[in-house]
Amino acid sequence: MDLKLGKYVGHTVDIVYIDGRGRITKRAVQVRAVQGGVMKAFCLHRRAPRRFRTDHILAAMPVRPASVSGRDAG
């Protein structure tokens, strides 16, 4: 599956991926780089840099920015 994750470098996205134990997980991450089958990102849940195997990422979707008031923009 080719998700073309490189287009998200510099953006915050929600990813759905299969972790090392085979569990499906959803995380919000700030994408730093995508190269050689690895996405380097800052995980907003763990508040730490992380590496994700791109072949384990099932879906990626940009996070919509919240409005200035902190409410949903839609």
PDB file of N, CA and C in Angstrom:
ATOM      1  N   MET A   1       0.844  -1.174   0.000  1.00  0.00           N
ATOM      2  CA  MET A   1       0.000   0.000   0.000  1.00  0.00           C
ATOM      3  C   MET A   1       0.890   1.237   0.000  1.00  0.00           C
ATOM      4  N   ASP A   2       0.683   2.131  -0.955  1.00  0.00           N
ATOM      5  CA  ASP A   2       1.488   3.344  -1.071  1.00  0.00           C
ATOM      6  C   ASP A   2       0.637   4.537  -0.631  1.00  0.00           C
ATOM      7  N   LEU A   3       0.903   5.050   0.588  1.00  0.00           N
ATOM      8  CA  LEU A   3       0.127   6.161   1.121  1.00  0.00           C
ATOM      9  C   LEU A   3       0.730   7.522   0.779  1.00  0.00           C
ATOM     10  N   LYS A   4       1.914   7.553   0.144  1.00  0.00           N
ATOM     11  CA  LYS A   4       2.590   8.816  -0.195  1.00  0.00           C
ATOM     12  C   LYS A   4       2.712   9.707   1.042  1.00  0.00           C
ATOM     13  N   LEU A   5       3.313   9.164   2.078  1.00  0.00           N
ATOM     14  CA  LEU A   5       3.417   9.856   3.356  1.00  0.00           C
ATOM     15  C   LEU A   5       4.333  11.066   3.320  1.00  0.00           C
ATOM     16  N   GLY A   6       5.227  11.144   2.347  1.00  0.00           N
ATOM     17  CA  GLY A   6       6.143  12.268   2.247  1.00  0.00           C
ATOM     18  C   GLY A   6       5.444  13.610   2.131  1.00  0.00           C
ATOM     19  N   LYS A   7       4.229  13.620   1.600  1.00  0.00           N
ATOM     20  CA  LYS A   7       3.492  14.883   1.451  1.00  0.00           C
ATOM     21  C   LYS A   7       3.078  15.472   2.793  1.00  0.00           C
ATOM     22  N   TYR A   8       3.181  14.680   3.871  1.00  0.00           N
ATOM     23  CA  TYR A   8       2.788  15.151   5.194  1.00  0.00           C
ATOM     24  C   TYR A   8       3.953  15.689   6.029  1.00  0.00           C
ATOM     25  N   VAL A   9       5.161  15.690   5.492  1.00  0.00           N
ATOM     26  CA  VAL A   9       6.312  16.199   6.242  1.00  0.00           C
ATOM     27  C   VAL A   9       6.040  17.649   6.629  1.00  0.00           C
ATOM     28  N   GLY A  10       6.216  17.942   7.912  1.00  0.00           N
ATOM     29  CA  GLY A  10       5.965  19.276   8.431  1.00  0.00           C
ATOM     30  C   GLY A  10       4.534  19.495   8.893  1.00  0.00           C
ATOM     31  N   HIS A  11       3.688  18.462   8.790  1.00  0.00           N
ATOM     32  CA  HIS A  11       2.280  18.578   9.164  1.00  0.00           C
ATOM     33  C   HIS A  11       1.938  17.602  10.291  1.00  0.00           C
ATOM     34  N   THR A  12       0.817  17.870  10.949  1.00  0.00           N
ATOM     35  CA  THR A  12       0.293  16.962  11.966  1.00  0.00           C
ATOM     36  C   THR A  12      -0.772  16.093  11.312  1.00  0.00           C
ATOM     37  N   VAL A  13      -0.657  14.788  11.522  1.00  0.00           N
ATOM     38  CA  VAL A  13      -1.606  13.844  10.936  1.00  0.00           C
ATOM     39  C   VAL A  13      -2.033  12.816  11.976  1.00  0.00           C
ATOM     40  N   ASP A  14      -3.218  12.272  11.781  1.00  0.00           N
ATOM     41  CA  ASP A  14      -3.649  11.092  12.536  1.00  0.00           C
ATOM     42  C   ASP A  14      -3.239   9.883  11.719  1.00  0.00           C
ATOM     43  N   ILE A  15      -2.595   8.927  12.353  1.00  0.00           N
ATOM     44  CA  ILE A  15      -2.258   7.680  11.661  1.00  0.00           C
ATOM     45  C   ILE A  15      -2.934   6.512  12.361  1.00  0.00           C
ATOM     46  N   VAL A  16      -3.280   5.530  11.576  1.00  0.00           N
ATOM     47  CA  VAL A  16      -3.760   4.250  12.087  1.00  0.00           C
ATOM     48  C   VAL A  16      -2.702   3.249  11.682  1.00  0.00           C
ATOM     49  N   TYR A  17      -2.152   2.529  12.658  1.00  0.00           N
ATOM     50  CA  TYR A  17      -1.063   1.618  12.339  1.00  0.00           C
ATOM     51  C   TYR A  17      -1.142   0.364  13.186  1.00  0.00           C
ATOM     52  N   ILE A  18      -0.375  -0.626  12.757  1.00  0.00           N
ATOM     53  CA  ILE A  18      -0.265  -1.886  13.491  1.00  0.00           C
ATOM     54  C   ILE A  18       1.028  -1.815  14.295  1.00  0.00           C
ATOM     55  N   ASP A  19       0.911  -1.892  15.627  1.00  0.00           N
ATOM     56  CA  ASP A  19       2.107  -1.801  16.459  1.00  0.00           C
ATOM     57  C   ASP A  19       2.876  -3.121  16.472  1.00  0.00           C
ATOM     58  N   GLY A  20       3.967  -3.148  17.179  1.00  0.00           N
ATOM     59  CA  GLY A  20       4.834  -4.326  17.217  1.00  0.00           C
ATOM     60  C   GLY A  20       4.178  -5.574  17.767  1.00  0.00           C
ATOM     61  N   ARG A  21       3.095  -5.413  18.510  1.00  0.00           N
ATOM     62  CA  ARG A  21       2.369  -6.561  19.073  1.00  0.00           C
ATOM     63  C   ARG A  21       1.165  -6.967  18.232  1.00  0.00           C
ATOM     64  N   GLY A  22       0.999  -6.291  17.071  1.00  0.00           N
ATOM     65  CA  GLY A  22      -0.103  -6.630  16.176  1.00  0.00           C
ATOM     66  C   GLY A  22      -1.405  -5.929  16.492  1.00  0.00           C
ATOM     67  N   ARG A  23      -1.373  -4.950  17.408  1.00  0.00           N
ATOM     68  CA  ARG A  23      -2.582  -4.209  17.754  1.00  0.00           C
ATOM     69  C   ARG A  23      -2.746  -3.013  16.826  1.00  0.00           C
ATOM     70  N   ILE A  24      -3.979  -2.708  16.474  1.00  0.00           N
ATOM     71  CA  ILE A  24      -4.254  -1.533  15.649  1.00  0.00           C
ATOM     72  C   ILE A  24      -4.426  -0.340  16.585  1.00  0.00           C
ATOM     73  N   THR A  25      -3.691   0.736  16.298  1.00  0.00           N
ATOM     74  CA  THR A  25      -3.640   1.909  17.168  1.00  0.00           C
ATOM     75  C   THR A  25      -3.790   3.170  16.331  1.00  0.00           C
ATOM     76  N   LYS A  26      -4.355   4.217  16.927  1.00  0.00           N
ATOM     77  CA  LYS A  26      -4.466   5.513  16.272  1.00  0.00           C
ATOM     78  C   LYS A  26      -3.670   6.523  17.084  1.00  0.00           C
ATOM     79  N   ARG A  27      -2.843   7.316  16.399  1.00  0.00           N
ATOM     80  CA  ARG A  27      -2.034   8.339  17.053  1.00  0.00           C
ATOM     81  C   ARG A  27      -2.003   9.607  16.228  1.00  0.00           C
ATOM     82  N   ALA A  28      -1.909  10.745  16.903  1.00  0.00           N
ATOM     83  CA  ALA A  28      -1.657  12.023  16.234  1.00  0.00           C
ATOM     84  C   ALA A  28      -0.152  12.264  16.309  1.00  0.00           C
ATOM     85  N   VAL A  29       0.459  12.537  15.165  1.00  0.00           N
ATOM     86  CA  VAL A  29       1.907  12.737  15.109  1.00  0.00           C
ATOM     87  C   VAL A  29       2.240  13.935  14.235  1.00  0.00           C
ATOM     88  N   GLN A  30       3.374  14.553  14.522  1.00  0.00           N
ATOM     89  CA  GLN A  30       3.922  15.602  13.669  1.00  0.00           C
ATOM     90  C   GLN A  30       5.013  14.946  12.837  1.00  0.00           C
ATOM     91  N   VAL A  31       4.802  14.870  11.544  1.00  0.00           N
ATOM     92  CA  VAL A  31       5.717  14.153  10.655  1.00  0.00           C
ATOM     93  C   VAL A  31       6.975  14.980  10.426  1.00  0.00           C
ATOM     94  N   ARG A  32       8.140  14.375  10.694  1.00  0.00           N
ATOM     95  CA  ARG A  32       9.429  15.046  10.526  1.00  0.00           C
ATOM     96  C   ARG A  32      10.132  14.626   9.237  1.00  0.00           C
ATOM     97  N   ALA A  33      10.052  13.329   8.902  1.00  0.00           N
ATOM     98  CA  ALA A  33      10.724  12.824   7.701  1.00  0.00           C
ATOM     99  C   ALA A  33      10.150  11.458   7.347  1.00  0.00           C
ATOM    100  N   VAL A  34      10.237  11.123   6.059  1.00  0.00           N
ATOM    101  CA  VAL A  34       9.844   9.791   5.578  1.00  0.00           C
ATOM    102  C   VAL A  34      10.929   9.342   4.619  1.00  0.00           C
ATOM    103  N   GLN A  35      11.588   8.222   4.969  1.00  0.00           N
ATOM    104  CA  GLN A  35      12.682   7.730   4.126  1.00  0.00           C
ATOM    105  C   GLN A  35      12.975   6.279   4.469  1.00  0.00           C
ATOM    106  N   GLY A  36      13.252   5.503   3.445  1.00  0.00           N
ATOM    107  CA  GLY A  36      13.673   4.122   3.635  1.00  0.00           C
ATOM    108  C   GLY A  36      12.694   3.260   4.400  1.00  0.00           C
ATOM    109  N   GLY A  37      11.403   3.483   4.170  1.00  0.00           N
ATOM    110  CA  GLY A  37      10.396   2.654   4.827  1.00  0.00           C
ATOM    111  C   GLY A  37      10.111   3.037   6.269  1.00  0.00           C
ATOM    112  N   VAL A  38      10.602   4.211   6.696  1.00  0.00           N
ATOM    113  CA  VAL A  38      10.398   4.662   8.071  1.00  0.00           C
ATOM    114  C   VAL A  38       9.888   6.098   8.074  1.00  0.00           C
ATOM    115  N   MET A  39       8.881   6.347   8.888  1.00  0.00           N
ATOM    116  CA  MET A  39       8.413   7.706   9.108  1.00  0.00           C
ATOM    117  C   MET A  39       8.906   8.149  10.475  1.00  0.00           C
ATOM    118  N   LYS A  40       9.680   9.225  10.505  1.00  0.00           N
ATOM    119  CA  LYS A  40      10.134   9.810  11.764  1.00  0.00           C
ATOM    120  C   LYS A  40       9.141  10.895  12.124  1.00  0.00           C
ATOM    121  N   ALA A  41       8.655  10.852  13.357  1.00  0.00           N
ATOM    122  CA  ALA A  41       7.610  11.786  13.767  1.00  0.00           C
ATOM    123  C   ALA A  41       7.697  12.060  15.254  1.00  0.00           C
ATOM    124  N   PHE A  42       7.032  13.131  15.673  1.00  0.00           N
ATOM    125  CA  PHE A  42       6.885  13.426  17.094  1.00  0.00           C
ATOM    126  C   PHE A  42       5.477  12.992  17.474  1.00  0.00           C
ATOM    127  N   CYS A  43       5.378  12.025  18.382  1.00  0.00           N
ATOM    128  CA  CYS A  43       4.084  11.487  18.808  1.00  0.00           C
ATOM    129  C   CYS A  43       3.484  12.415  19.864  1.00  0.00           C
ATOM    130  N   LEU A  44       2.310  12.958  19.581  1.00  0.00           N
ATOM    131  CA  LEU A  44       1.661  13.872  20.515  1.00  0.00           C
ATOM    132  C   LEU A  44       1.095  13.143  21.725  1.00  0.00           C
ATOM    133  N   HIS A  45       0.833  11.849  21.603  1.00  0.00           N
ATOM    134  CA  HIS A  45       0.334  11.056  22.729  1.00  0.00           C
ATOM    135  C   HIS A  45       1.456  10.776  23.741  1.00  0.00           C
ATOM    136  N   ARG A  46       2.570  10.316  23.247  1.00  0.00           N
ATOM    137  CA  ARG A  46       3.707   9.999  24.131  1.00  0.00           C
ATOM    138  C   ARG A  46       4.603  11.200  24.415  1.00  0.00           C
ATOM    139  N   ARG A  47       4.390  12.265  23.642  1.00  0.00           N
ATOM    140  CA  ARG A  47       5.204  13.480  23.759  1.00  0.00           C
ATOM    141  C   ARG A  47       6.690  13.156  23.625  1.00  0.00           C
ATOM    142  N   ALA A  48       6.972  12.419  22.551  1.00  0.00           N
ATOM    143  CA  ALA A  48       8.350  11.986  22.313  1.00  0.00           C
ATOM    144  C   ALA A  48       8.528  11.665  20.832  1.00  0.00           C
ATOM    145  N   PRO A  49       9.776  11.758  20.348  1.00  0.00           N
ATOM    146  CA  PRO A  49      10.044  11.349  18.963  1.00  0.00           C
ATOM    147  C   PRO A  49       9.814   9.851  18.811  1.00  0.00           C
ATOM    148  N   ARG A  50       9.284   9.464  17.671  1.00  0.00           N
ATOM    149  CA  ARG A  50       9.022   8.048  17.398  1.00  0.00           C
ATOM    150  C   ARG A  50       9.350   7.739  15.956  1.00  0.00           C
ATOM    151  N   ARG A  51       9.542   6.459  15.677  1.00  0.00           N
ATOM    152  CA  ARG A  51       9.746   5.965  14.316  1.00  0.00           C
ATOM    153  C   ARG A  51       8.654   4.945  14.037  1.00  0.00           C
ATOM    154  N   PHE A  52       8.031   5.061  12.872  1.00  0.00           N
ATOM    155  CA  PHE A  52       6.953   4.162  12.476  1.00  0.00           C
ATOM    156  C   PHE A  52       7.307   3.523  11.142  1.00  0.00           C
ATOM    157  N   ARG A  53       7.208   2.208  11.061  1.00  0.00           N
ATOM    158  CA  ARG A  53       7.416   1.524   9.785  1.00  0.00           C
ATOM    159  C   ARG A  53       6.268   1.884   8.860  1.00  0.00           C
ATOM    160  N   THR A  54       6.598   2.364   7.674  1.00  0.00           N
ATOM    161  CA  THR A  54       5.540   2.802   6.757  1.00  0.00           C
ATOM    162  C   THR A  54       4.663   1.639   6.292  1.00  0.00           C
ATOM    163  N   ASP A  55       5.211   0.430   6.261  1.00  0.00           N
ATOM    164  CA  ASP A  55       4.389  -0.712   5.838  1.00  0.00           C
ATOM    165  C   ASP A  55       3.393  -1.136   6.925  1.00  0.00           C
ATOM    166  N   HIS A  56       3.502  -0.552   8.119  1.00  0.00           N
ATOM    167  CA  HIS A  56       2.546  -0.830   9.195  1.00  0.00           C
ATOM    168  C   HIS A  56       1.493   0.267   9.324  1.00  0.00           C
ATOM    169  N   ILE A  57       1.644   1.349   8.559  1.00  0.00           N
ATOM    170  CA  ILE A  57       0.669   2.437   8.608  1.00  0.00           C
ATOM    171  C   ILE A  57      -0.473   2.098   7.655  1.00  0.00           C
ATOM    172  N   LEU A  58      -1.669   1.977   8.224  1.00  0.00           N
ATOM    173  CA  LEU A  58      -2.843   1.594   7.445  1.00  0.00           C
ATOM    174  C   LEU A  58      -3.544   2.801   6.831  1.00  0.00           C
ATOM    175  N   ALA A  59      -3.489   3.947   7.522  1.00  0.00           N
ATOM    176  CA  ALA A  59      -4.153   5.163   7.043  1.00  0.00           C
ATOM    177  C   ALA A  59      -3.483   6.376   7.652  1.00  0.00           C
ATOM    178  N   ALA A  60      -3.555   7.488   6.932  1.00  0.00           N
ATOM    179  CA  ALA A  60      -3.038   8.764   7.432  1.00  0.00           C
ATOM    180  C   ALA A  60      -3.958   9.870   6.941  1.00  0.00           C
ATOM    181  N   MET A  61      -4.288  10.789   7.850  1.00  0.00           N
ATOM    182  CA  MET A  61      -5.201  11.873   7.501  1.00  0.00           C
ATOM    183  C   MET A  61      -4.763  13.140   8.218  1.00  0.00           C
ATOM    184  N   PRO A  62      -4.668  14.262   7.495  1.00  0.00           N
ATOM    185  CA  PRO A  62      -4.259  15.510   8.138  1.00  0.00           C
ATOM    186  C   PRO A  62      -5.220  15.897   9.258  1.00  0.00           C
ATOM    187  N   VAL A  63      -4.676  16.464  10.323  1.00  0.00           N
ATOM    188  CA  VAL A  63      -5.487  16.936  11.435  1.00  0.00           C
ATOM    189  C   VAL A  63      -5.953  18.340  11.105  1.00  0.00           C
ATOM    190  N   ARG A  64      -7.235  18.578  11.260  1.00  0.00           N
ATOM    191  CA  ARG A  64      -7.797  19.909  11.026  1.00  0.00           C
ATOM    192  C   ARG A  64      -7.418  20.828  12.169  1.00  0.00           C
ATOM    193  N   PRO A  65      -6.883  21.996  11.869  1.00  0.00           N
ATOM    194  CA  PRO A  65      -6.540  22.912  12.965  1.00  0.00           C
ATOM    195  C   PRO A  65      -7.779  23.416  13.667  1.00  0.00           C
ATOM    196  N   ALA A  66      -7.681  23.598  14.985  1.00  0.00           N
ATOM    197  CA  ALA A  66      -8.801  24.136  15.757  1.00  0.00           C
ATOM    198  C   ALA A  66      -8.881  25.647  15.527  1.00  0.00           C
ATOM    199  N   SER A  67     -10.042  26.183  15.728  1.00  0.00           N
ATOM    200  CA  SER A  67     -10.192  27.630  15.573  1.00  0.00           C
ATOM    201  C   SER A  67      -9.490  28.349  16.711  1.00  0.00           C
ATOM    202  N   VAL A  68      -9.370  29.648  16.608  1.00  0.00           N
ATOM    203  CA  VAL A  68      -8.673  30.445  17.621  1.00  0.00           C
ATOM    204  C   VAL A  68      -9.326  30.291  18.973  1.00  0.00           C
ATOM    205  N   SER A  69     -10.641  30.125  19.008  1.00  0.00           N
ATOM    206  CA  SER A  69     -11.347  29.994  20.286  1.00  0.00           C
ATOM    207  C   SER A  69     -11.162  28.636  20.916  1.00  0.00           C
ATOM    208  N   GLY A  70     -10.536  27.701  20.188  1.00  0.00           N
ATOM    209  CA  GLY A  70     -10.340  26.371  20.717  1.00  0.00           C
ATOM    210  C   GLY A  70     -11.466  25.418  20.367  1.00  0.00           C
ATOM    211  N   ARG A  71     -12.479  25.925  19.669  1.00  0.00           N
ATOM    212  CA  ARG A  71     -13.570  25.057  19.241  1.00  0.00           C
ATOM    213  C   ARG A  71     -13.262  24.467  17.890  1.00  0.00           C
ATOM    214  N   ASP A  72     -14.006  23.424  17.541  1.00  0.00           N
ATOM    215  CA  ASP A  72     -13.858  22.799  16.237  1.00  0.00           C
ATOM    216  C   ASP A  72     -14.136  23.812  15.143  1.00  0.00           C
ATOM    217  N   ALA A  73     -13.349  23.743  14.064  1.00  0.00           N
ATOM    218  CA  ALA A  73     -13.479  24.716  12.976  1.00  0.00           C
ATOM    219  C   ALA A  73     -14.658  24.442  12.066  1.00  0.00           C
ATOM    220  N   GLY A  74     -15.466  23.474  12.344  1.00  0.00           N
ATOM    221  CA  GLY A  74     -16.518  23.149  11.403  1.00  0.00           C
ATOM    222  C   GLY A  74     -17.834  23.200  12.007  1.00  0.00           C
TER     223      GLY A  74
END
